[in-house]
């Protein structure tokens, strides 16, 4: 009968768990920051400059119309003629 191999104590799940746990320790965090500093610099994010919204003048809004004073004499009332 073949001898059974001793099972490895560090399987891939444990290795990953240990790596993630290491990120939350100061030593692991320092290593992560060092890795990020030595990594290739990222391209700067080019953001579009915000377009200023035009401020409407008092009469540009659709619900406000300026008051126009009547310039001519008002037309007199004319009685309707019967048919």
PDB file of N, CA and C in Angstrom:
ATOM      1  N   UNK A   1       0.843  -1.175   0.000  1.00  0.00           N
ATOM      2  CA  UNK A   1       0.000   0.000   0.000  1.00  0.00           C
ATOM      3  C   UNK A   1       0.890   1.241   0.000  1.00  0.00           C
ATOM      4  N   UNK A   2       0.541   2.192  -0.868  1.00  0.00           N
ATOM      5  CA  UNK A   2       1.362   3.395  -0.989  1.00  0.00           C
ATOM      6  C   UNK A   2       1.210   4.250   0.259  1.00  0.00           C
ATOM      7  N   UNK A   3       2.313   4.882   0.610  1.00  0.00           N
ATOM      8  CA  UNK A   3       2.254   5.743   1.791  1.00  0.00           C
ATOM      9  C   UNK A   3       1.471   7.010   1.477  1.00  0.00           C
ATOM     10  N   UNK A   4       0.681   7.417   2.427  1.00  0.00           N
ATOM     11  CA  UNK A   4      -0.088   8.650   2.236  1.00  0.00           C
ATOM     12  C   UNK A   4       0.815   9.844   2.506  1.00  0.00           C
ATOM     13  N   UNK A   5       0.748  10.809   1.579  1.00  0.00           N
ATOM     14  CA  UNK A   5       1.541  12.017   1.789  1.00  0.00           C
ATOM     15  C   UNK A   5       0.914  12.840   2.894  1.00  0.00           C
ATOM     16  N   UNK A   6       1.789  13.475   3.655  1.00  0.00           N
ATOM     17  CA  UNK A   6       1.273  14.365   4.688  1.00  0.00           C
ATOM     18  C   UNK A   6       0.662  15.584   3.993  1.00  0.00           C
ATOM     19  N   UNK A   7      -0.549  15.903   4.366  1.00  0.00           N
ATOM     20  CA  UNK A   7      -1.254  17.006   3.720  1.00  0.00           C
ATOM     21  C   UNK A   7      -0.549  18.322   4.041  1.00  0.00           C
ATOM     22  N   UNK A   8      -0.391  19.132   3.030  1.00  0.00           N
ATOM     23  CA  UNK A   8       0.262  20.424   3.226  1.00  0.00           C
ATOM     24  C   UNK A   8      -0.604  21.284   4.139  1.00  0.00           C
ATOM     25  N   UNK A   9       0.041  21.936   5.086  1.00  0.00           N
ATOM     26  CA  UNK A   9      -0.723  22.769   6.014  1.00  0.00           C
ATOM     27  C   UNK A   9      -1.087  24.114   5.400  1.00  0.00           C
ATOM     28  N   UNK A  10      -0.393  24.500   4.329  1.00  0.00           N
ATOM     29  CA  UNK A  10      -0.677  25.797   3.712  1.00  0.00           C
ATOM     30  C   UNK A  10      -1.272  25.569   2.326  1.00  0.00           C
ATOM     31  N   UNK A  11      -2.550  25.307   2.279  1.00  0.00           N
ATOM     32  CA  UNK A  11      -3.166  25.189   0.966  1.00  0.00           C
ATOM     33  C   UNK A  11      -3.465  26.584   0.427  1.00  0.00           C
ATOM     34  N   UNK A  12      -3.962  26.662  -0.774  1.00  0.00           N
ATOM     35  CA  UNK A  12      -4.118  27.967  -1.433  1.00  0.00           C
ATOM     36  C   UNK A  12      -5.114  28.867  -0.698  1.00  0.00           C
ATOM     37  N   UNK A  13      -6.121  28.268  -0.082  1.00  0.00           N
ATOM     38  CA  UNK A  13      -7.100  29.082   0.643  1.00  0.00           C
ATOM     39  C   UNK A  13      -6.442  29.730   1.849  1.00  0.00           C
ATOM     40  N   UNK A  14      -5.637  28.958   2.567  1.00  0.00           N
ATOM     41  CA  UNK A  14      -4.956  29.511   3.735  1.00  0.00           C
ATOM     42  C   UNK A  14      -3.950  30.572   3.333  1.00  0.00           C
ATOM     43  N   UNK A  15      -3.257  30.355   2.224  1.00  0.00           N
ATOM     44  CA  UNK A  15      -2.282  31.346   1.760  1.00  0.00           C
ATOM     45  C   UNK A  15      -2.995  32.654   1.439  1.00  0.00           C
ATOM     46  N   UNK A  16      -4.112  32.551   0.750  1.00  0.00           N
ATOM     47  CA  UNK A  16      -4.871  33.757   0.397  1.00  0.00           C
ATOM     48  C   UNK A  16      -5.408  34.438   1.655  1.00  0.00           C
ATOM     49  N   UNK A  17      -5.887  33.639   2.596  1.00  0.00           N
ATOM     50  CA  UNK A  17      -6.409  34.206   3.840  1.00  0.00           C
ATOM     51  C   UNK A  17      -5.300  34.929   4.607  1.00  0.00           C
ATOM     52  N   UNK A  18      -4.114  34.328   4.616  1.00  0.00           N
ATOM     53  CA  UNK A  18      -2.987  34.940   5.317  1.00  0.00           C
ATOM     54  C   UNK A  18      -2.565  36.238   4.619  1.00  0.00           C
ATOM     55  N   UNK A  19      -2.601  36.241   3.281  1.00  0.00           N
ATOM     56  CA  UNK A  19      -2.224  37.438   2.537  1.00  0.00           C
ATOM     57  C   UNK A  19      -3.206  38.572   2.825  1.00  0.00           C
ATOM     58  N   UNK A  20      -4.495  38.250   2.837  1.00  0.00           N
ATOM     59  CA  UNK A  20      -5.500  39.277   3.118  1.00  0.00           C
ATOM     60  C   UNK A  20      -5.382  39.779   4.552  1.00  0.00           C
ATOM     61  N   UNK A  21      -5.107  38.882   5.469  1.00  0.00           N
ATOM     62  CA  UNK A  21      -4.958  39.284   6.860  1.00  0.00           C
ATOM     63  C   UNK A  21      -3.730  40.164   7.031  1.00  0.00           C
ATOM     64  N   UNK A  22      -2.703  39.888   6.240  1.00  0.00           N
ATOM     65  CA  UNK A  22      -1.475  40.668   6.291  1.00  0.00           C
ATOM     66  C   UNK A  22      -1.722  42.112   5.864  1.00  0.00           C
ATOM     67  N   UNK A  23      -2.683  42.324   5.002  1.00  0.00           N
ATOM     68  CA  UNK A  23      -2.979  43.679   4.547  1.00  0.00           C
ATOM     69  C   UNK A  23      -3.494  44.544   5.692  1.00  0.00           C
ATOM     70  N   UNK A  24      -4.089  43.895   6.698  1.00  0.00           N
ATOM     71  CA  UNK A  24      -4.682  44.652   7.794  1.00  0.00           C
ATOM     72  C   UNK A  24      -3.718  44.852   8.957  1.00  0.00           C
ATOM     73  N   UNK A  25      -2.505  44.349   8.836  1.00  0.00           N
ATOM     74  CA  UNK A  25      -1.505  44.609   9.866  1.00  0.00           C
ATOM     75  C   UNK A  25      -0.629  45.759   9.396  1.00  0.00           C
ATOM     76  N   UNK A  26       0.063  46.387  10.316  1.00  0.00           N
ATOM     77  CA  UNK A  26       0.902  47.532   9.953  1.00  0.00           C
ATOM     78  C   UNK A  26       2.016  47.133   8.996  1.00  0.00           C
ATOM     79  N   UNK A  27       2.607  45.958   9.231  1.00  0.00           N
ATOM     80  CA  UNK A  27       3.692  45.510   8.363  1.00  0.00           C
ATOM     81  C   UNK A  27       3.164  45.272   6.942  1.00  0.00           C
ATOM     82  N   UNK A  28       2.012  44.638   6.865  1.00  0.00           N
ATOM     83  CA  UNK A  28       1.425  44.372   5.553  1.00  0.00           C
ATOM     84  C   UNK A  28       0.999  45.648   4.860  1.00  0.00           C
ATOM     85  N   UNK A  29       0.474  46.587   5.630  1.00  0.00           N
ATOM     86  CA  UNK A  29       0.038  47.854   5.052  1.00  0.00           C
ATOM     87  C   UNK A  29       1.238  48.631   4.527  1.00  0.00           C
ATOM     88  N   UNK A  30       2.342  48.606   5.281  1.00  0.00           N
ATOM     89  CA  UNK A  30       3.553  49.300   4.840  1.00  0.00           C
ATOM     90  C   UNK A  30       4.082  48.673   3.555  1.00  0.00           C
ATOM     91  N   UNK A  31       4.018  47.345   3.459  1.00  0.00           N
ATOM     92  CA  UNK A  31       4.473  46.673   2.243  1.00  0.00           C
ATOM     93  C   UNK A  31       3.572  47.033   1.068  1.00  0.00           C
ATOM     94  N   UNK A  32       2.279  47.136   1.328  1.00  0.00           N
ATOM     95  CA  UNK A  32       1.344  47.480   0.260  1.00  0.00           C
ATOM     96  C   UNK A  32       1.598  48.898  -0.233  1.00  0.00           C
ATOM     97  N   UNK A  33       1.839  49.829   0.685  1.00  0.00           N
ATOM     98  CA  UNK A  33       2.118  51.214   0.300  1.00  0.00           C
ATOM     99  C   UNK A  33       3.415  51.282  -0.488  1.00  0.00           C
ATOM    100  N   UNK A  34       4.423  50.509  -0.066  1.00  0.00           N
ATOM    101  CA  UNK A  34       5.692  50.498  -0.790  1.00  0.00           C
ATOM    102  C   UNK A  34       5.496  49.950  -2.199  1.00  0.00           C
ATOM    103  N   UNK A  35       4.661  48.925  -2.336  1.00  0.00           N
ATOM    104  CA  UNK A  35       4.381  48.377  -3.664  1.00  0.00           C
ATOM    105  C   UNK A  35       3.686  49.409  -4.533  1.00  0.00           C
ATOM    106  N   UNK A  36       2.765  50.139  -3.948  1.00  0.00           N
ATOM    107  CA  UNK A  36       2.033  51.132  -4.732  1.00  0.00           C
ATOM    108  C   UNK A  36       2.950  52.274  -5.159  1.00  0.00           C
ATOM    109  N   UNK A  37       3.918  52.620  -4.301  1.00  0.00           N
ATOM    110  CA  UNK A  37       4.830  53.715  -4.647  1.00  0.00           C
ATOM    111  C   UNK A  37       5.783  53.310  -5.759  1.00  0.00           C
ATOM    112  N   UNK A  38       6.196  52.043  -5.770  1.00  0.00           N
ATOM    113  CA  UNK A  38       7.137  51.599  -6.795  1.00  0.00           C
ATOM    114  C   UNK A  38       6.429  51.206  -8.082  1.00  0.00           C
ATOM    115  N   UNK A  39       5.119  51.073  -8.049  1.00  0.00           N
ATOM    116  CA  UNK A  39       4.375  50.696  -9.254  1.00  0.00           C
ATOM    117  C   UNK A  39       4.438  51.834 -10.264  1.00  0.00           C
ATOM    118  N   UNK A  40       4.124  51.491 -11.498  1.00  0.00           N
ATOM    119  CA  UNK A  40       4.144  52.508 -12.557  1.00  0.00           C
ATOM    120  C   UNK A  40       3.122  53.587 -12.227  1.00  0.00           C
ATOM    121  N   UNK A  41       3.499  54.843 -12.400  1.00  0.00           N
ATOM    122  CA  UNK A  41       2.541  55.908 -12.075  1.00  0.00           C
ATOM    123  C   UNK A  41       1.345  55.870 -13.015  1.00  0.00           C
ATOM    124  N   UNK A  42       0.203  56.110 -12.450  1.00  0.00           N
ATOM    125  CA  UNK A  42      -1.020  56.108 -13.255  1.00  0.00           C
ATOM    126  C   UNK A  42      -1.105  57.391 -14.057  1.00  0.00           C
ATOM    127  N   UNK A  43      -1.790  57.292 -15.173  1.00  0.00           N
ATOM    128  CA  UNK A  43      -2.001  58.497 -15.969  1.00  0.00           C
ATOM    129  C   UNK A  43      -2.953  59.413 -15.209  1.00  0.00           C
ATOM    130  N   UNK A  44      -2.715  60.707 -15.253  1.00  0.00           N
ATOM    131  CA  UNK A  44      -3.629  61.604 -14.547  1.00  0.00           C
ATOM    132  C   UNK A  44      -5.006  61.589 -15.208  1.00  0.00           C
ATOM    133  N   UNK A  45      -6.001  61.661 -14.385  1.00  0.00           N
ATOM    134  CA  UNK A  45      -7.370  61.665 -14.886  1.00  0.00           C
ATOM    135  C   UNK A  45      -7.669  63.057 -15.419  1.00  0.00           C
ATOM    136  N   UNK A  46      -8.021  63.113 -16.692  1.00  0.00           N
ATOM    137  CA  UNK A  46      -8.335  64.404 -17.301  1.00  0.00           C
ATOM    138  C   UNK A  46      -9.830  64.605 -17.170  1.00  0.00           C
ATOM    139  N   UNK A  47     -10.192  65.570 -16.381  1.00  0.00           N
ATOM    140  CA  UNK A  47     -11.611  65.856 -16.190  1.00  0.00           C
ATOM    141  C   UNK A  47     -11.979  67.070 -17.019  1.00  0.00           C
ATOM    142  N   UNK A  48     -13.161  67.032 -17.565  1.00  0.00           N
ATOM    143  CA  UNK A  48     -13.626  68.167 -18.352  1.00  0.00           C
ATOM    144  C   UNK A  48     -13.877  69.344 -17.423  1.00  0.00           C
ATOM    145  N   UNK A  49     -13.506  70.507 -17.880  1.00  0.00           N
ATOM    146  CA  UNK A  49     -13.762  71.687 -17.057  1.00  0.00           C
ATOM    147  C   UNK A  49     -15.262  71.938 -17.042  1.00  0.00           C
ATOM    148  N   UNK A  50     -15.809  72.234 -15.898  1.00  0.00           N
ATOM    149  CA  UNK A  50     -17.258  72.433 -15.839  1.00  0.00           C
ATOM    150  C   UNK A  50     -17.674  73.670 -16.622  1.00  0.00           C
ATOM    151  N   UNK A  51     -18.719  73.507 -17.404  1.00  0.00           N
ATOM    152  CA  UNK A  51     -19.227  74.621 -18.193  1.00  0.00           C
ATOM    153  C   UNK A  51     -20.139  75.431 -17.284  1.00  0.00           C
ATOM    154  N   UNK A  52     -19.869  76.720 -17.139  1.00  0.00           N
ATOM    155  CA  UNK A  52     -20.733  77.510 -16.265  1.00  0.00           C
ATOM    156  C   UNK A  52     -22.132  77.623 -16.859  1.00  0.00           C
ATOM    157  N   UNK A  53     -23.106  77.408 -16.018  1.00  0.00           N
ATOM    158  CA  UNK A  53     -24.482  77.504 -16.497  1.00  0.00           C
ATOM    159  C   UNK A  53     -24.844  78.975 -16.631  1.00  0.00           C
ATOM    160  N   UNK A  54     -25.450  79.343 -17.746  1.00  0.00           N
ATOM    161  CA  UNK A  54     -25.789  80.753 -17.920  1.00  0.00           C
ATOM    162  C   UNK A  54     -26.887  81.174 -16.948  1.00  0.00           C
ATOM    163  N   UNK A  55     -26.714  82.322 -16.379  1.00  0.00           N
ATOM    164  CA  UNK A  55     -27.705  82.845 -15.442  1.00  0.00           C
ATOM    165  C   UNK A  55     -28.783  83.536 -16.274  1.00  0.00           C
ATOM    166  N   UNK A  56     -30.028  83.096 -16.167  1.00  0.00           N
ATOM    167  CA  UNK A  56     -31.063  83.716 -16.997  1.00  0.00           C
ATOM    168  C   UNK A  56     -31.343  85.145 -16.555  1.00  0.00           C
ATOM    169  N   UNK A  57     -31.557  85.981 -17.536  1.00  0.00           N
ATOM    170  CA  UNK A  57     -31.959  87.349 -17.226  1.00  0.00           C
ATOM    171  C   UNK A  57     -33.409  87.291 -16.763  1.00  0.00           C
ATOM    172  N   UNK A  58     -33.927  88.319 -16.149  1.00  0.00           N
ATOM    173  CA  UNK A  58     -35.274  88.226 -15.574  1.00  0.00           C
ATOM    174  C   UNK A  58     -36.363  87.843 -16.572  1.00  0.00           C
ATOM    175  N   UNK A  59     -36.176  88.121 -17.864  1.00  0.00           N
ATOM    176  CA  UNK A  59     -37.260  87.856 -18.813  1.00  0.00           C
ATOM    177  C   UNK A  59     -36.984  86.663 -19.702  1.00  0.00           C
ATOM    178  N   UNK A  60     -35.944  85.880 -19.418  1.00  0.00           N
ATOM    179  CA  UNK A  60     -35.660  84.715 -20.246  1.00  0.00           C
ATOM    180  C   UNK A  60     -36.465  83.498 -19.837  1.00  0.00           C
ATOM    181  N   UNK A  61     -36.965  83.468 -18.635  1.00  0.00           N
ATOM    182  CA  UNK A  61     -37.717  82.295 -18.205  1.00  0.00           C
ATOM    183  C   UNK A  61     -39.052  82.271 -18.941  1.00  0.00           C
ATOM    184  N   UNK A  62     -39.569  81.105 -19.259  1.00  0.00           N
ATOM    185  CA  UNK A  62     -40.760  81.034 -20.114  1.00  0.00           C
ATOM    186  C   UNK A  62     -42.039  81.566 -19.473  1.00  0.00           C
ATOM    187  N   UNK A  63     -42.070  81.658 -18.152  1.00  0.00           N
ATOM    188  CA  UNK A  63     -43.324  82.054 -17.519  1.00  0.00           C
ATOM    189  C   UNK A  63     -43.379  83.529 -17.162  1.00  0.00           C
ATOM    190  N   UNK A  64     -42.291  84.226 -17.354  1.00  0.00           N
ATOM    191  CA  UNK A  64     -42.299  85.651 -17.041  1.00  0.00           C
ATOM    192  C   UNK A  64     -42.217  86.442 -18.335  1.00  0.00           C
ATOM    193  N   UNK A  65     -43.139  87.337 -18.547  1.00  0.00           N
ATOM    194  CA  UNK A  65     -43.071  88.224 -19.710  1.00  0.00           C
ATOM    195  C   UNK A  65     -43.080  89.644 -19.183  1.00  0.00           C
ATOM    196  N   UNK A  66     -42.303  90.483 -19.793  1.00  0.00           N
ATOM    197  CA  UNK A  66     -42.256  91.858 -19.295  1.00  0.00           C
ATOM    198  C   UNK A  66     -43.571  92.583 -19.563  1.00  0.00           C
ATOM    199  N   UNK A  67     -43.892  93.505 -18.700  1.00  0.00           N
ATOM    200  CA  UNK A  67     -45.104  94.297 -18.887  1.00  0.00           C
ATOM    201  C   UNK A  67     -44.834  95.338 -19.961  1.00  0.00           C
ATOM    202  N   UNK A  68     -45.694  95.347 -20.962  1.00  0.00           N
ATOM    203  CA  UNK A  68     -45.565  96.333 -22.036  1.00  0.00           C
ATOM    204  C   UNK A  68     -46.738  97.290 -21.880  1.00  0.00           C
ATOM    205  N   UNK A  69     -46.411  98.539 -21.658  1.00  0.00           N
ATOM    206  CA  UNK A  69     -47.467  99.550 -21.498  1.00  0.00           C
ATOM    207  C   UNK A  69     -48.114  99.813 -22.858  1.00  0.00           C
ATOM    208  N   UNK A  70     -49.434  99.999 -22.886  1.00  0.00           N
ATOM    209  CA  UNK A  70     -50.087 100.275 -24.172  1.00  0.00           C
ATOM    210  C   UNK A  70     -49.611 101.619 -24.722  1.00  0.00           C
ATOM    211  N   UNK A  71     -49.314 101.602 -26.023  1.00  0.00           N
ATOM    212  CA  UNK A  71     -48.801 102.826 -26.641  1.00  0.00           C
ATOM    213  C   UNK A  71     -49.901 103.584 -27.368  1.00  0.00           C
ATOM    214  N   UNK A  72     -50.909 102.890 -27.865  1.00  0.00           N
ATOM    215  CA  UNK A  72     -51.977 103.563 -28.621  1.00  0.00           C
ATOM    216  C   UNK A  72     -53.194 103.746 -27.722  1.00  0.00           C
ATOM    217  N   UNK A  73     -54.093 104.571 -28.176  1.00  0.00           N
ATOM    218  CA  UNK A  73     -55.369 104.796 -27.487  1.00  0.00           C
ATOM    219  C   UNK A  73     -56.147 103.483 -27.507  1.00  0.00           C
ATOM    220  N   UNK A  74     -56.778 103.095 -26.429  1.00  0.00           N
ATOM    221  CA  UNK A  74     -57.564 101.858 -26.474  1.00  0.00           C
ATOM    222  C   UNK A  74     -58.734 102.003 -27.451  1.00  0.00           C
ATOM    223  N   UNK A  75     -59.041 100.899 -28.130  1.00  0.00           N
ATOM    224  CA  UNK A  75     -60.143 100.957 -29.110  1.00  0.00           C
ATOM    225  C   UNK A  75     -61.459 101.045 -28.355  1.00  0.00           C
ATOM    226  N   UNK A  76     -62.358 101.907 -28.818  1.00  0.00           N
ATOM    227  CA  UNK A  76     -63.649 102.038 -28.125  1.00  0.00           C
ATOM    228  C   UNK A  76     -64.512 100.801 -28.342  1.00  0.00           C
ATOM    229  N   UNK A  77     -65.389 100.550 -27.381  1.00  0.00           N
ATOM    230  CA  UNK A  77     -66.278  99.401 -27.478  1.00  0.00           C
ATOM    231  C   UNK A  77     -67.323  99.667 -28.550  1.00  0.00           C
ATOM    232  N   UNK A  78     -67.522  98.703 -29.455  1.00  0.00           N
ATOM    233  CA  UNK A  78     -68.508  98.843 -30.531  1.00  0.00           C
ATOM    234  C   UNK A  78     -69.583  97.802 -30.290  1.00  0.00           C
ATOM    235  N   UNK A  79     -70.831  98.246 -30.306  1.00  0.00           N
ATOM    236  CA  UNK A  79     -71.953  97.321 -30.127  1.00  0.00           C
ATOM    237  C   UNK A  79     -71.997  96.354 -31.304  1.00  0.00           C
ATOM    238  N   UNK A  80     -72.186  95.068 -31.040  1.00  0.00           N
ATOM    239  CA  UNK A  80     -72.320  94.137 -32.162  1.00  0.00           C
ATOM    240  C   UNK A  80     -73.626  94.399 -32.907  1.00  0.00           C
ATOM    241  N   UNK A  81     -73.559  94.311 -34.202  1.00  0.00           N
ATOM    242  CA  UNK A  81     -74.771  94.545 -35.018  1.00  0.00           C
ATOM    243  C   UNK A  81     -75.539  93.245 -35.132  1.00  0.00           C
ATOM    244  N   UNK A  82     -76.868  93.308 -35.029  1.00  0.00           N
ATOM    245  CA  UNK A  82     -77.667  92.074 -35.186  1.00  0.00           C
ATOM    246  C   UNK A  82     -77.674  91.626 -36.650  1.00  0.00           C
ATOM    247  N   UNK A  83     -77.826  90.375 -36.899  1.00  0.00           N
ATOM    248  CA  UNK A  83     -77.815  89.861 -38.272  1.00  0.00           C
ATOM    249  C   UNK A  83     -79.120  90.067 -38.927  1.00  0.00           C
TER     250      UNK A  83
END
